[in-house]
Amino acid sequence: MTGAVTAAPLRDLISGPSVRVDVLGGGPRALYLRHPGGRLMALLAPDAVALPLGVVLDEPCPPRPGPVRVGAGRVTFPGAEVVVHGWFATAIGAVRPAAGAREWCVRQAADLDEARTGLTAAQRDALRGFDADATATTLCGTGPGLTPAGDDALCAVLVAAAAGLVRLPPGWVERVLTHATRATTDLSVQLLHLAADGHVAAPVRRLFRALEQPARLSAAWADVRAMGHTSGAAFAFGLGAVLAWPQ
C-alpha cells in the first residue's frame, strides 16, 4: 500500500463510490485512467509534473495487470492499493502582475522558436490575434507531444483569461472548446476545459503567482519551460503572445 495526493478537481471522483475504471495506458511516470463518466485522471510518479487531473504517488508503484477501481479515497489494483491522504491546489485565482512582469514574459516568449515549442510560424502567428475560429482551427490538435503543442499554447490563453490578465471577446472560449472536442485528444480537451476554469499544473500555478513576485519569475518561467519535450515551451509562448494582445 502507498499513499498519494490528488488534484483538487478530482476530489469528487476520488471521494465518490468505488467504480471500475478503464486503463488507457501510459509510461513509467504516468498511467492514464478513464472514469465511467468520461473524465480522465493520471496516476503519476512522485517526480512527475503534478497535473490538474493527477493523482501523485508518494512512492513509485508499478502498474499491475488487471482491473483498477477508483473511489472511496483509494485507487485499487490487483494486490496493491493507493490511499489518498490529501489534495493539492490547482486553481490560480485572480492575478495582479507587478510592474514590468507582463512585458518580461512577452520578451522571453519572443525567443521561443519552432525547435523549442513545436509550433510553426503560422501557428505562432495565429496566437497573435483575436479570431477564435482561426486560432482554434490552426492550433487544436496540432504539433508534437502527448498533448499537442498547439493545445498547450491554447491552454495558456485560456488560463490568462481565467486569471483576469486578458479580456477575450464574447464567446471566444466557448468556440475554442467546441472546436477542440472535434479536433484533438480527450486528454487535451479535458486540460483545455480545466484551463478555462483556471486549473493548471503545479509549475504553471507557481509561474502565475510569480507574476506578482518578480524575484521568482525567472526560476518559475524556467520550470514551466522544462515541462515535457515541447509542452512547457509551447505554453510559455502562448502566454507571452496573449499578454501582448491589445486590451
Protein backbone atom coordinates (compact mmCIF):
# COMPACT_ATOMS: atom_id res chain seq x y z
CA MET A 1 0.00 0.00 0.00
CA THR A 2 1.20 3.51 -0.77
CA GLY A 3 -0.21 7.00 -0.31
CA ALA A 4 -0.97 9.80 -2.73
CA VAL A 5 -2.19 13.36 -3.00
CA THR A 6 -4.78 14.27 -5.61
CA ALA A 7 -5.52 17.34 -7.71
CA ALA A 8 -8.45 19.25 -6.24
CA PRO A 9 -10.65 18.89 -9.39
CA LEU A 10 -10.63 15.10 -8.85
CA ARG A 11 -11.92 15.33 -5.30
CA ASP A 12 -15.45 14.22 -6.25
CA LEU A 13 -14.24 11.16 -8.16
CA ILE A 14 -11.80 10.04 -5.50
CA SER A 15 -14.27 10.60 -2.66
CA GLY A 16 -17.22 9.08 -4.53
CA PRO A 17 -18.28 5.45 -4.79
CA SER A 18 -15.64 2.95 -5.79
CA VAL A 19 -16.06 2.12 -9.50
CA ARG A 20 -14.07 0.24 -12.08
CA VAL A 21 -12.15 2.50 -14.48
CA ASP A 22 -10.63 1.89 -17.89
CA VAL A 23 -6.83 1.79 -18.15
CA LEU A 24 -5.85 3.80 -21.22
CA GLY A 25 -2.11 3.20 -20.97
CA GLY A 26 0.90 5.32 -20.19
CA GLY A 27 4.57 5.05 -19.36
CA PRO A 28 6.88 4.68 -16.35
CA ARG A 29 5.82 8.06 -14.88
CA ALA A 30 2.11 8.23 -15.71
CA LEU A 31 -0.79 5.82 -16.07
CA TYR A 32 -3.94 7.29 -17.61
CA LEU A 33 -7.38 6.15 -16.45
CA ARG A 34 -10.90 6.91 -17.68
CA HIS A 35 -13.77 7.15 -15.19
CA PRO A 36 -17.14 5.72 -16.32
CA GLY A 37 -18.43 9.29 -16.60
CA GLY A 38 -15.76 10.00 -19.23
CA ARG A 39 -13.35 12.09 -17.18
CA LEU A 40 -9.66 11.22 -17.24
CA MET A 41 -7.15 11.02 -14.44
CA ALA A 42 -3.43 10.31 -14.38
CA LEU A 43 -1.70 8.20 -11.76
CA LEU A 44 1.67 9.97 -11.52
CA ALA A 45 5.12 9.06 -10.23
CA PRO A 46 6.44 11.24 -7.37
CA ASP A 47 8.75 13.19 -9.72
CA ALA A 48 6.18 13.73 -12.49
CA VAL A 49 4.58 17.12 -13.17
CA ALA A 50 1.56 17.49 -10.89
CA LEU A 51 -1.24 17.83 -13.43
CA PRO A 52 -4.67 19.25 -12.57
CA LEU A 53 -6.10 15.78 -13.24
CA GLY A 54 -3.29 13.94 -11.43
CA VAL A 55 -3.01 11.54 -8.51
CA VAL A 56 0.62 11.94 -7.36
CA LEU A 57 2.02 8.89 -5.61
CA ASP A 58 4.21 9.12 -2.52
CA GLU A 59 6.47 6.41 -3.95
CA PRO A 60 6.74 4.54 -7.26
CA CYS A 61 4.03 1.95 -7.77
CA PRO A 62 4.48 -0.09 -10.98
CA PRO A 63 1.16 -0.71 -12.73
CA ARG A 64 -0.19 -4.24 -12.39
CA PRO A 65 -2.35 -6.08 -14.90
CA GLY A 66 -5.98 -6.49 -14.02
CA PRO A 67 -8.99 -4.33 -13.10
CA VAL A 68 -8.48 -0.93 -11.48
CA ARG A 69 -11.02 0.76 -9.21
CA VAL A 70 -11.21 4.39 -8.11
CA GLY A 71 -13.29 5.80 -5.26
CA ALA A 72 -13.81 5.69 -1.51
CA GLY A 73 -10.50 7.54 -1.15
CA ARG A 74 -8.49 4.88 -2.96
CA VAL A 75 -7.10 3.65 -6.25
CA THR A 76 -7.06 -0.15 -6.11
CA PHE A 77 -5.06 -2.55 -8.27
CA PRO A 78 -4.89 -6.34 -8.01
CA GLY A 79 -2.75 -6.86 -4.93
CA ALA A 80 -2.00 -3.16 -4.42
CA GLU A 81 -3.79 -0.11 -3.05
CA VAL A 82 -3.15 3.64 -3.21
CA VAL A 83 -4.71 5.57 -0.33
CA VAL A 84 -5.33 9.26 -0.95
CA HIS A 85 -4.36 11.25 2.13
CA GLY A 86 -4.52 14.80 0.81
CA TRP A 87 -5.24 17.24 -2.01
CA PHE A 88 -3.18 19.81 -3.83
CA ALA A 89 -4.47 23.11 -5.13
CA THR A 90 -4.67 23.70 -8.86
CA ALA A 91 -6.72 26.91 -9.11
CA ILE A 92 -4.95 30.16 -9.97
CA GLY A 93 -7.48 32.79 -9.00
CA ALA A 94 -7.11 36.43 -9.92
CA VAL A 95 -3.56 37.60 -10.64
CA ARG A 96 -2.34 41.20 -10.40
CA PRO A 97 1.06 41.33 -12.11
CA ALA A 98 3.81 43.51 -10.71
CA ALA A 99 5.10 46.36 -12.84
CA GLY A 100 7.04 45.03 -15.83
CA ALA A 101 6.10 41.35 -15.30
CA ARG A 102 3.87 41.15 -18.36
CA GLU A 103 6.47 42.77 -20.59
CA TRP A 104 9.16 40.44 -19.26
CA CYS A 105 7.09 37.39 -20.27
CA VAL A 106 6.45 38.85 -23.73
CA ARG A 107 10.19 39.35 -24.27
CA GLN A 108 11.06 35.85 -23.08
CA ALA A 109 8.41 34.26 -25.30
CA ALA A 110 9.75 36.07 -28.36
CA ASP A 111 12.88 33.90 -28.18
CA LEU A 112 10.94 30.62 -28.34
CA ASP A 113 11.13 29.25 -31.87
CA GLU A 114 9.70 26.17 -33.58
CA ALA A 115 12.52 23.92 -32.40
CA ARG A 116 11.67 24.69 -28.77
CA THR A 117 7.88 24.93 -28.95
CA GLY A 118 6.91 22.58 -31.75
CA LEU A 119 4.82 25.46 -33.15
CA THR A 120 5.26 26.51 -36.76
CA ALA A 121 5.47 30.15 -37.76
CA ALA A 122 1.83 30.04 -38.90
CA GLN A 123 0.74 28.59 -35.56
CA ARG A 124 2.68 31.21 -33.63
CA ASP A 125 1.09 33.92 -35.79
CA ALA A 126 -2.38 32.51 -35.01
CA LEU A 127 -1.75 33.26 -31.33
CA ARG A 128 -1.33 36.95 -32.03
CA GLY A 129 -4.97 37.66 -32.99
CA PHE A 130 -8.48 37.63 -31.58
CA ASP A 131 -10.13 35.40 -34.20
CA ALA A 132 -11.25 32.41 -32.11
CA ASP A 133 -12.23 30.22 -35.07
CA ALA A 134 -8.98 30.81 -36.95
CA THR A 135 -6.91 30.29 -33.80
CA ALA A 136 -8.70 27.07 -32.87
CA THR A 137 -8.55 25.69 -36.41
CA THR A 138 -4.83 26.41 -36.66
CA LEU A 139 -3.85 25.15 -33.20
CA CYS A 140 -6.23 22.49 -31.84
CA GLY A 141 -4.70 19.04 -32.06
CA THR A 142 -1.63 20.23 -33.96
CA GLY A 143 2.05 19.84 -33.23
CA PRO A 144 4.09 17.22 -31.38
CA GLY A 145 3.57 15.84 -27.90
CA LEU A 146 1.15 13.69 -25.89
CA THR A 147 -0.80 16.90 -25.51
CA PRO A 148 -0.21 18.54 -28.92
CA ALA A 149 1.83 21.74 -28.73
CA GLY A 150 -0.98 23.80 -30.22
CA ASP A 151 -3.26 22.76 -27.37
CA ASP A 152 -0.58 23.64 -24.81
CA ALA A 153 -0.38 27.15 -26.26
CA LEU A 154 -4.17 27.49 -26.24
CA CYS A 155 -4.19 26.45 -22.58
CA ALA A 156 -2.04 29.49 -21.84
CA VAL A 157 -4.58 31.81 -23.47
CA LEU A 158 -7.46 30.26 -21.51
CA VAL A 159 -5.58 30.38 -18.21
CA ALA A 160 -4.56 34.00 -18.74
CA ALA A 161 -8.21 34.89 -19.29
CA ALA A 162 -9.31 32.91 -16.22
CA ALA A 163 -6.72 34.80 -14.14
CA GLY A 164 -8.02 38.15 -15.38
CA LEU A 165 -4.85 39.01 -17.29
CA VAL A 166 -6.67 39.43 -20.61
CA ARG A 167 -10.23 40.04 -21.73
CA LEU A 168 -11.31 37.75 -24.52
CA PRO A 169 -14.11 38.62 -26.95
CA PRO A 170 -17.57 37.21 -26.02
CA GLY A 171 -17.89 33.56 -27.00
CA TRP A 172 -14.15 33.13 -27.67
CA VAL A 173 -13.64 30.44 -25.03
CA GLU A 174 -16.79 28.54 -25.96
CA ARG A 175 -15.88 28.43 -29.65
CA VAL A 176 -12.37 27.17 -28.94
CA LEU A 177 -13.60 24.44 -26.58
CA THR A 178 -16.30 23.35 -29.01
CA HIS A 179 -13.76 23.05 -31.80
CA ALA A 180 -11.35 21.15 -29.53
CA THR A 181 -13.88 18.37 -28.91
CA ARG A 182 -13.75 17.56 -32.63
CA ALA A 183 -10.09 18.22 -33.32
CA THR A 184 -7.86 16.92 -30.55
CA THR A 185 -7.36 14.17 -27.96
CA ASP A 186 -9.61 13.53 -24.96
CA LEU A 187 -6.69 14.37 -22.66
CA SER A 188 -6.16 17.75 -24.31
CA VAL A 189 -9.89 18.51 -24.28
CA GLN A 190 -10.05 17.93 -20.54
CA LEU A 191 -6.92 20.01 -19.89
CA LEU A 192 -8.34 22.84 -22.03
CA HIS A 193 -11.58 22.81 -20.03
CA LEU A 194 -9.61 22.82 -16.78
CA ALA A 195 -7.50 25.72 -18.05
CA ALA A 196 -10.63 27.68 -18.93
CA ASP A 197 -11.75 27.19 -15.32
CA GLY A 198 -8.35 28.34 -14.03
CA HIS A 199 -6.93 24.91 -13.05
CA VAL A 200 -3.34 24.18 -14.07
CA ALA A 201 -0.28 22.04 -13.41
CA ALA A 202 1.83 22.92 -10.38
CA PRO A 203 4.69 24.67 -12.27
CA VAL A 204 2.20 26.86 -14.16
CA ARG A 205 0.48 27.81 -10.93
CA ARG A 206 3.84 28.89 -9.49
CA LEU A 207 4.54 30.95 -12.62
CA PHE A 208 1.26 32.85 -12.35
CA ARG A 209 1.91 33.55 -8.68
CA ALA A 210 5.41 34.73 -9.62
CA LEU A 211 3.89 37.40 -11.86
CA GLU A 212 3.10 39.14 -8.58
CA GLN A 213 6.60 38.48 -7.18
CA PRO A 214 9.14 39.28 -9.93
CA ALA A 215 12.11 37.96 -7.95
CA ARG A 216 10.71 34.47 -8.53
CA LEU A 217 9.70 34.98 -12.13
CA SER A 218 12.84 33.77 -13.90
CA ALA A 219 13.00 30.48 -11.97
CA ALA A 220 9.27 29.86 -12.37
CA TRP A 221 9.48 30.54 -16.12
CA ALA A 222 12.36 28.05 -16.41
CA ASP A 223 10.35 25.39 -14.54
CA VAL A 224 7.44 25.78 -16.98
CA ARG A 225 9.81 25.71 -19.96
CA ALA A 226 11.15 22.36 -18.68
CA MET A 227 7.73 20.65 -18.77
CA GLY A 228 7.72 17.83 -21.31
CA HIS A 229 9.53 17.93 -24.64
CA THR A 230 7.60 20.89 -26.09
CA SER A 231 4.61 21.35 -23.75
CA GLY A 232 6.18 23.86 -21.40
CA ALA A 233 7.78 25.94 -24.14
CA ALA A 234 4.54 25.97 -26.15
CA PHE A 235 2.62 27.10 -23.07
CA ALA A 236 5.20 29.80 -22.35
CA PHE A 237 4.98 31.07 -25.92
CA GLY A 238 1.19 31.15 -25.73
CA LEU A 239 1.34 33.12 -22.50
CA GLY A 240 3.75 35.69 -23.93
CA ALA A 241 1.63 36.00 -27.06
CA VAL A 242 -1.64 36.61 -25.25
CA LEU A 243 -0.05 39.07 -22.81
CA ALA A 244 0.97 41.12 -25.85
CA TRP A 245 -2.62 41.36 -27.13
CA PRO A 246 -4.02 44.90 -27.09
CA GLN A 247 -6.65 45.37 -24.40
